[in-house]
Protein backbone atom coordinates (compact mmCIF):
# COMPACT_ATOMS: atom_id res chain seq x y z
CA MET A 1 -34.49 -78.71 22.98
CA THR A 2 -32.08 -78.16 25.83
CA GLU A 3 -34.23 -75.28 27.28
CA THR A 4 -37.60 -77.14 27.05
CA LEU A 5 -36.11 -80.33 28.42
CA GLU A 6 -34.86 -78.45 31.58
CA VAL A 7 -38.37 -76.86 31.85
CA LEU A 8 -39.91 -80.24 31.65
CA ARG A 9 -37.65 -81.77 34.25
CA LEU A 10 -38.47 -78.90 36.65
CA ALA A 11 -42.17 -79.20 36.02
CA ALA A 12 -42.15 -82.94 36.48
CA SER A 13 -40.40 -82.78 39.69
CA GLU A 14 -42.95 -80.39 41.04
CA ALA A 15 -45.71 -82.75 39.84
CA GLY A 16 -44.01 -85.72 41.49
CA LEU A 17 -43.07 -87.34 38.12
CA ASP A 18 -39.77 -88.62 36.80
CA ALA A 19 -38.49 -86.90 33.66
CA SER A 20 -34.90 -88.13 33.88
CA ALA A 21 -35.22 -90.41 30.90
CA ALA A 22 -37.52 -88.12 28.81
CA VAL A 23 -37.35 -88.52 25.08
CA LEU A 24 -38.43 -85.78 22.65
CA LEU A 25 -41.22 -86.92 20.32
CA ARG A 26 -42.04 -83.75 18.47
CA ALA A 27 -40.86 -80.17 18.35
CA GLY A 28 -43.45 -77.88 16.77
CA GLU A 29 -46.04 -75.53 18.32
CA ASN A 30 -45.27 -77.53 21.48
CA HIS A 31 -42.32 -79.62 22.47
CA ILE A 32 -43.68 -83.04 23.32
CA TYR A 33 -41.80 -85.62 25.38
CA ARG A 34 -42.30 -89.22 26.47
CA LEU A 35 -41.70 -89.87 30.08
CA PRO A 36 -41.38 -93.26 31.90
CA GLY A 37 -44.64 -94.90 32.93
CA GLY A 38 -46.83 -94.13 29.97
CA VAL A 39 -46.81 -90.30 30.42
CA VAL A 40 -46.43 -87.51 27.91
CA GLY A 41 -45.27 -84.08 28.83
CA ARG A 42 -46.04 -81.03 26.70
CA VAL A 43 -44.02 -77.83 27.01
CA ALA A 44 -45.94 -74.92 25.55
CA ARG A 45 -44.47 -71.86 23.93
CA PRO A 46 -43.97 -68.89 26.21
CA GLY A 47 -47.12 -67.08 27.42
CA GLU A 48 -49.54 -69.99 26.72
CA ALA A 49 -50.57 -70.83 30.27
CA ALA A 50 -54.20 -69.72 29.78
CA ASN A 51 -54.57 -71.82 26.67
CA VAL A 52 -53.13 -75.04 28.08
CA THR A 53 -55.21 -74.62 31.23
CA ARG A 54 -58.29 -74.41 28.92
CA GLU A 55 -57.05 -77.58 27.17
CA THR A 56 -57.04 -79.62 30.37
CA ILE A 57 -60.59 -78.30 31.19
CA VAL A 58 -61.94 -79.14 27.75
CA ALA A 59 -60.35 -82.61 27.77
CA ARG A 60 -62.07 -83.62 30.99
CA TRP A 61 -65.43 -82.14 29.71
CA LEU A 62 -65.22 -84.03 26.44
CA ASN A 63 -64.41 -87.43 28.21
CA ALA A 64 -67.32 -86.81 30.57
CA ASN A 65 -69.70 -86.20 27.65
CA GLY A 66 -69.10 -89.23 25.41
CA ILE A 67 -66.36 -87.92 23.12
CA SER A 68 -63.00 -89.58 23.73
CA ALA A 69 -60.07 -87.08 24.01
CA ILE A 70 -56.57 -87.22 25.36
CA ARG A 71 -56.65 -87.58 29.18
CA PRO A 72 -54.70 -85.24 31.47
CA LEU A 73 -52.95 -86.89 34.42
CA ASP A 74 -54.62 -86.44 37.76
CA VAL A 75 -52.03 -84.00 39.09
CA SER A 76 -52.36 -80.20 39.68
CA GLN A 77 -51.64 -78.60 36.27
CA PRO A 78 -50.48 -76.82 34.26
CA VAL A 79 -47.13 -76.53 35.96
CA VAL A 80 -45.65 -73.10 35.07
CA VAL A 81 -41.88 -72.77 35.00
CA GLY A 82 -40.84 -69.17 34.14
CA ASP A 83 -42.96 -68.22 31.09
CA ARG A 84 -43.54 -71.84 30.07
CA ALA A 85 -46.54 -74.03 30.92
CA VAL A 86 -46.26 -77.79 31.08
CA THR A 87 -48.97 -80.37 30.97
CA PHE A 88 -48.85 -84.06 31.60
CA TRP A 89 -51.08 -86.64 29.74
CA ASP A 90 -51.75 -90.35 29.48
CA GLU A 91 -49.70 -91.67 26.49
CA LEU A 92 -51.91 -93.03 23.69
CA PRO A 93 -51.33 -96.53 22.40
CA GLU A 94 -50.44 -97.06 18.79
CA HIS A 95 -52.59 -94.79 16.64
CA ARG A 96 -53.01 -93.39 13.15
CA HIS A 97 -54.52 -90.21 11.60
CA GLY A 98 -58.25 -90.39 11.49
CA SER A 99 -60.15 -90.91 8.24
CA VAL A 100 -62.08 -88.05 6.71
CA SER A 101 -65.31 -89.72 7.69
CA GLN A 102 -64.06 -90.14 11.35
CA VAL A 103 -63.08 -86.47 11.45
CA ALA A 104 -66.48 -85.43 10.13
CA ALA A 105 -68.39 -87.83 12.44
CA VAL A 106 -66.66 -86.63 15.59
CA LEU A 107 -67.17 -82.92 14.68
CA ARG A 108 -70.84 -83.52 14.07
CA ARG A 109 -71.13 -85.02 17.59
CA LEU A 110 -69.01 -82.24 19.17
CA HIS A 111 -71.03 -79.50 17.45
CA SER A 112 -74.27 -81.07 18.81
CA LEU A 113 -73.33 -80.77 22.47
CA PRO A 114 -74.79 -77.99 24.46
CA ILE A 115 -72.31 -75.29 25.47
CA PRO A 116 -71.59 -75.88 29.24
CA PRO A 117 -71.73 -72.72 31.42
CA GLY A 118 -67.96 -73.07 32.29
CA LEU A 119 -66.94 -72.76 28.62
CA ARG A 120 -69.22 -69.96 27.45
CA ASP A 121 -66.56 -67.23 27.77
CA MET A 122 -63.98 -69.22 25.82
CA LYS A 123 -64.63 -67.47 22.53
CA LEU A 124 -62.82 -68.21 19.29
CA ALA A 125 -59.80 -65.88 18.62
CA PRO A 126 -59.16 -66.41 14.87
CA PHE A 127 -56.21 -63.99 14.76
CA VAL A 128 -54.37 -65.01 17.85
CA ARG A 129 -50.66 -64.32 17.68
CA LEU A 130 -50.63 -63.62 13.99
CA ASP A 131 -49.26 -60.05 14.58
CA GLN A 132 -46.41 -61.55 16.53
CA ARG A 133 -45.53 -64.25 13.98
CA ILE A 134 -45.50 -61.57 11.20
CA ARG A 135 -43.39 -59.13 13.12
CA ASP A 136 -41.07 -61.84 14.34
CA ALA A 137 -40.58 -63.46 10.82
CA SER A 138 -36.96 -63.34 9.90
CA ILE A 139 -37.16 -64.56 6.25
CA VAL A 140 -39.54 -61.86 4.86
CA THR A 141 -38.67 -58.46 3.33
CA GLU A 142 -40.08 -55.39 4.92
CA ALA A 143 -42.38 -54.86 1.99
CA GLU A 144 -43.71 -58.45 2.54
CA ARG A 145 -44.20 -57.78 6.16
CA ARG A 146 -46.22 -54.62 5.49
CA TRP A 147 -48.40 -56.64 3.03
CA LEU A 148 -48.94 -59.44 5.61
CA LEU A 149 -49.97 -56.88 8.31
CA GLY A 150 -52.25 -55.14 5.83
CA ARG A 151 -53.82 -58.49 4.92
CA LEU A 152 -54.38 -59.21 8.58
CA GLU A 153 -56.09 -55.89 9.11
CA ASP A 154 -58.31 -56.53 6.11
CA LEU A 155 -59.31 -59.90 7.44
CA ARG A 156 -60.10 -58.56 10.84
CA ALA A 157 -62.52 -56.05 9.29
CA ARG A 158 -64.11 -58.69 7.26
CA TRP A 159 -64.52 -60.99 10.31
CA ALA A 160 -66.27 -58.19 12.21
CA SER A 161 -68.99 -58.05 9.48
CA ARG A 162 -69.11 -61.77 8.62
CA PRO A 163 -72.39 -63.22 7.39
CA ASP A 164 -74.45 -65.35 9.84
CA GLY A 165 -74.04 -69.13 9.82
CA PHE A 166 -75.06 -71.98 12.03
CA PRO A 167 -75.51 -71.27 15.75
CA GLU A 168 -72.27 -71.03 17.81
CA CYS A 169 -71.20 -74.23 19.65
CA VAL A 170 -68.10 -75.75 21.15
CA ILE A 171 -65.50 -76.17 18.33
CA HIS A 172 -62.23 -77.94 18.26
CA GLY A 173 -60.43 -75.07 16.55
CA ASP A 174 -57.84 -77.09 14.59
CA ALA A 175 -59.81 -79.97 13.41
CA TRP A 176 -57.80 -81.90 10.83
CA ALA A 177 -56.90 -85.60 10.57
CA GLY A 178 -53.62 -85.36 12.58
CA ASN A 179 -55.66 -84.10 15.60
CA VAL A 180 -58.51 -86.78 15.23
CA VAL A 181 -56.76 -90.08 15.63
CA HIS A 182 -57.76 -93.69 15.71
CA ALA A 183 -56.06 -95.60 18.54
CA HIS A 184 -56.00 -99.39 18.72
CA GLY A 185 -58.64 -100.55 21.13
CA LEU A 186 -59.85 -97.06 21.95
CA GLY A 187 -61.42 -95.83 18.78
CA VAL A 188 -61.40 -92.15 17.68
CA ILE A 189 -59.69 -89.73 20.04
CA LEU A 190 -59.40 -85.87 19.88
CA LEU A 191 -55.96 -84.41 20.31
CA ASP A 192 -54.54 -80.83 20.69
CA LEU A 193 -57.42 -79.11 22.36
CA GLU A 194 -55.73 -75.84 23.28
CA ARG A 195 -57.66 -74.04 20.57
CA CYS A 196 -61.10 -75.48 21.70
CA SER A 197 -63.48 -72.62 22.11
CA VAL A 198 -67.02 -71.41 21.45
CA GLY A 199 -67.51 -70.26 17.91
CA PRO A 200 -69.14 -70.90 14.57
CA PRO A 201 -69.01 -74.62 13.52
CA GLU A 202 -68.00 -73.43 10.06
CA TRP A 203 -64.60 -72.67 11.40
CA ASP A 204 -63.89 -76.37 12.07
CA LEU A 205 -65.32 -77.34 8.75
CA ALA A 206 -63.13 -74.91 6.90
CA SER A 207 -60.05 -76.57 8.44
CA THR A 208 -60.57 -79.59 6.17
CA ALA A 209 -62.13 -77.71 3.21
CA VAL A 210 -58.98 -75.60 2.71
CA ARG A 211 -56.93 -78.81 2.31
CA TYR A 212 -59.12 -79.41 -0.70
CA THR A 213 -59.72 -75.97 -2.09
CA SER A 214 -56.39 -74.28 -1.23
CA PHE A 215 -53.59 -76.56 -0.20
CA GLY A 216 -54.06 -79.39 -2.77
CA THR A 217 -53.53 -82.14 -0.06
CA MET A 218 -57.03 -83.78 -0.27
CA PRO A 219 -58.57 -85.42 -3.31
CA GLY A 220 -62.10 -84.46 -4.34
CA SER A 221 -63.49 -87.99 -3.47
CA ASP A 222 -62.27 -87.61 0.17
CA TYR A 223 -63.67 -84.18 0.54
CA ARG A 224 -67.08 -85.33 -0.80
CA GLU A 225 -67.04 -88.24 1.76
CA TYR A 226 -66.23 -85.71 4.46
CA CYS A 227 -69.11 -83.49 3.53
CA ALA A 228 -71.57 -86.51 3.22
CA THR A 229 -70.68 -87.71 6.68
CA TYR A 230 -70.97 -84.33 8.38
CA GLY A 231 -74.17 -83.42 6.31
CA ARG A 232 -72.89 -80.13 4.96
CA ASP A 233 -70.44 -78.60 2.55
CA VAL A 234 -69.11 -75.44 4.15
CA THR A 235 -67.75 -74.21 0.76
CA ASP A 236 -71.40 -73.46 -0.19
CA TRP A 237 -71.82 -71.06 2.61
CA GLU A 238 -71.38 -67.32 1.66
CA GLY A 239 -68.73 -66.78 4.32
CA TYR A 240 -66.46 -69.55 3.30
CA GLU A 241 -64.11 -67.32 1.34
CA LEU A 242 -63.41 -65.32 4.49
CA LEU A 243 -62.71 -68.54 6.54
CA ARG A 244 -60.51 -69.77 3.72
CA ASP A 245 -58.44 -66.61 3.63
CA ILE A 246 -57.94 -66.56 7.30
CA ARG A 247 -56.90 -70.17 7.38
CA GLU A 248 -54.38 -69.53 4.60
CA LEU A 249 -52.89 -66.63 6.42
CA ARG A 250 -52.65 -68.66 9.64
CA VAL A 251 -50.97 -71.66 7.98
CA ALA A 252 -48.54 -69.31 6.13
CA CYS A 253 -47.65 -67.56 9.39
CA TYR A 254 -47.09 -70.79 11.19
CA GLY A 255 -44.66 -71.72 8.39
CA LEU A 256 -42.87 -68.46 8.92
CA GLN A 257 -42.58 -69.15 12.65
CA ARG A 258 -41.19 -72.58 12.08
CA ALA A 259 -38.62 -71.29 9.56
CA ASN A 260 -37.32 -68.95 12.39
CA ASP A 261 -36.67 -72.10 14.51
CA ASP A 262 -35.44 -74.27 11.57
CA PRO A 263 -33.80 -72.70 8.55
CA ALA A 264 -34.35 -75.94 6.59
CA LEU A 265 -37.98 -74.89 6.35
CA THR A 266 -37.28 -71.55 4.69
CA ASP A 267 -38.11 -72.69 1.21
CA THR A 268 -41.39 -74.19 2.17
CA ALA A 269 -42.35 -71.14 4.26
CA ARG A 270 -41.53 -68.81 1.41
CA HIS A 271 -43.50 -70.91 -1.04
CA ARG A 272 -46.64 -70.43 1.18
CA LEU A 273 -45.99 -66.66 1.30
CA GLY A 274 -45.53 -66.55 -2.45
CA CYS A 275 -48.81 -68.34 -3.00
CA LEU A 276 -50.56 -65.63 -0.99
CA LEU A 277 -48.73 -62.96 -2.98
CA GLY A 278 -50.02 -64.40 -6.21
CA GLU A 279 -46.64 -65.77 -7.44
CA HIS A 280 -47.71 -69.36 -7.98
CA GLY A 281 -50.95 -69.22 -9.85
CA PRO A 282 -54.56 -70.04 -8.75
CA ARG A 283 -55.59 -72.36 -6.01
CA PRO A 284 -55.18 -75.14 -5.16
CA TRP A 285 -51.58 -74.86 -4.35
CA HIS A 286 -49.33 -77.57 -2.96
CA TRP A 287 -48.26 -76.78 0.56
CA PRO A 288 -46.04 -79.49 2.15
CA ALA A 289 -46.19 -79.95 5.96
CA VAL A 290 -43.68 -78.20 8.06
CA GLY A 291 -44.21 -80.28 11.35
């Protein structure tokens, strides 16, 4: 936290903001801080400047096209300090995770928007940083690392010859209930836009489907409500197994990354890996959150 807090303070000073009383809200993929005056600062992991730049562009586009999203402050950003990119946002009022029907409804609206010219080159990258997470994982054996890298290569080959689905559109990229929130007085708001891109809508739908079919964190009644609201069940698509397998690997590798940072998460991360290795029986498994 000490490193990211210093980065935040330097970036805030450059942006003309006060971070002297910044409070850490969450340490995960990004370090998120509350600043005075209803401002939230997000310090990205090293090398993510392009992605966070995209996030601010997408946020402004969504808000201008009838879909409420987090709002970047009207300052020049991101502010890059060393290899870290920092962005500043309006703080949300009290909010909660979106319901399954709210997630499905906002995705249906998002997927119906025409792709703006400025976003056409922002293509989905389903395997971004997985190589690095596997190679950097400190809690795996070398045999497990080889298996993970082999699994990654197999999925890349399957992705290259994936079956056709619905036409590509703007997708959220990580569309689950924690990133689609309901804020008091503001309604449904999209968060964490750094993975927004142009890609198959099935990618977004699979993000919720795997919580039912793979992770065991969503009851069947909720999943049926989700499908009814969106108007489609992605598990009926012939390419779903591929998306499921990619999502499982991504979530497992994120657990390995978090365990590098926090040894208390080692058991959870190794459980996820064990599921992929066939050590815990058939799906659905139970995958607790790692933050």
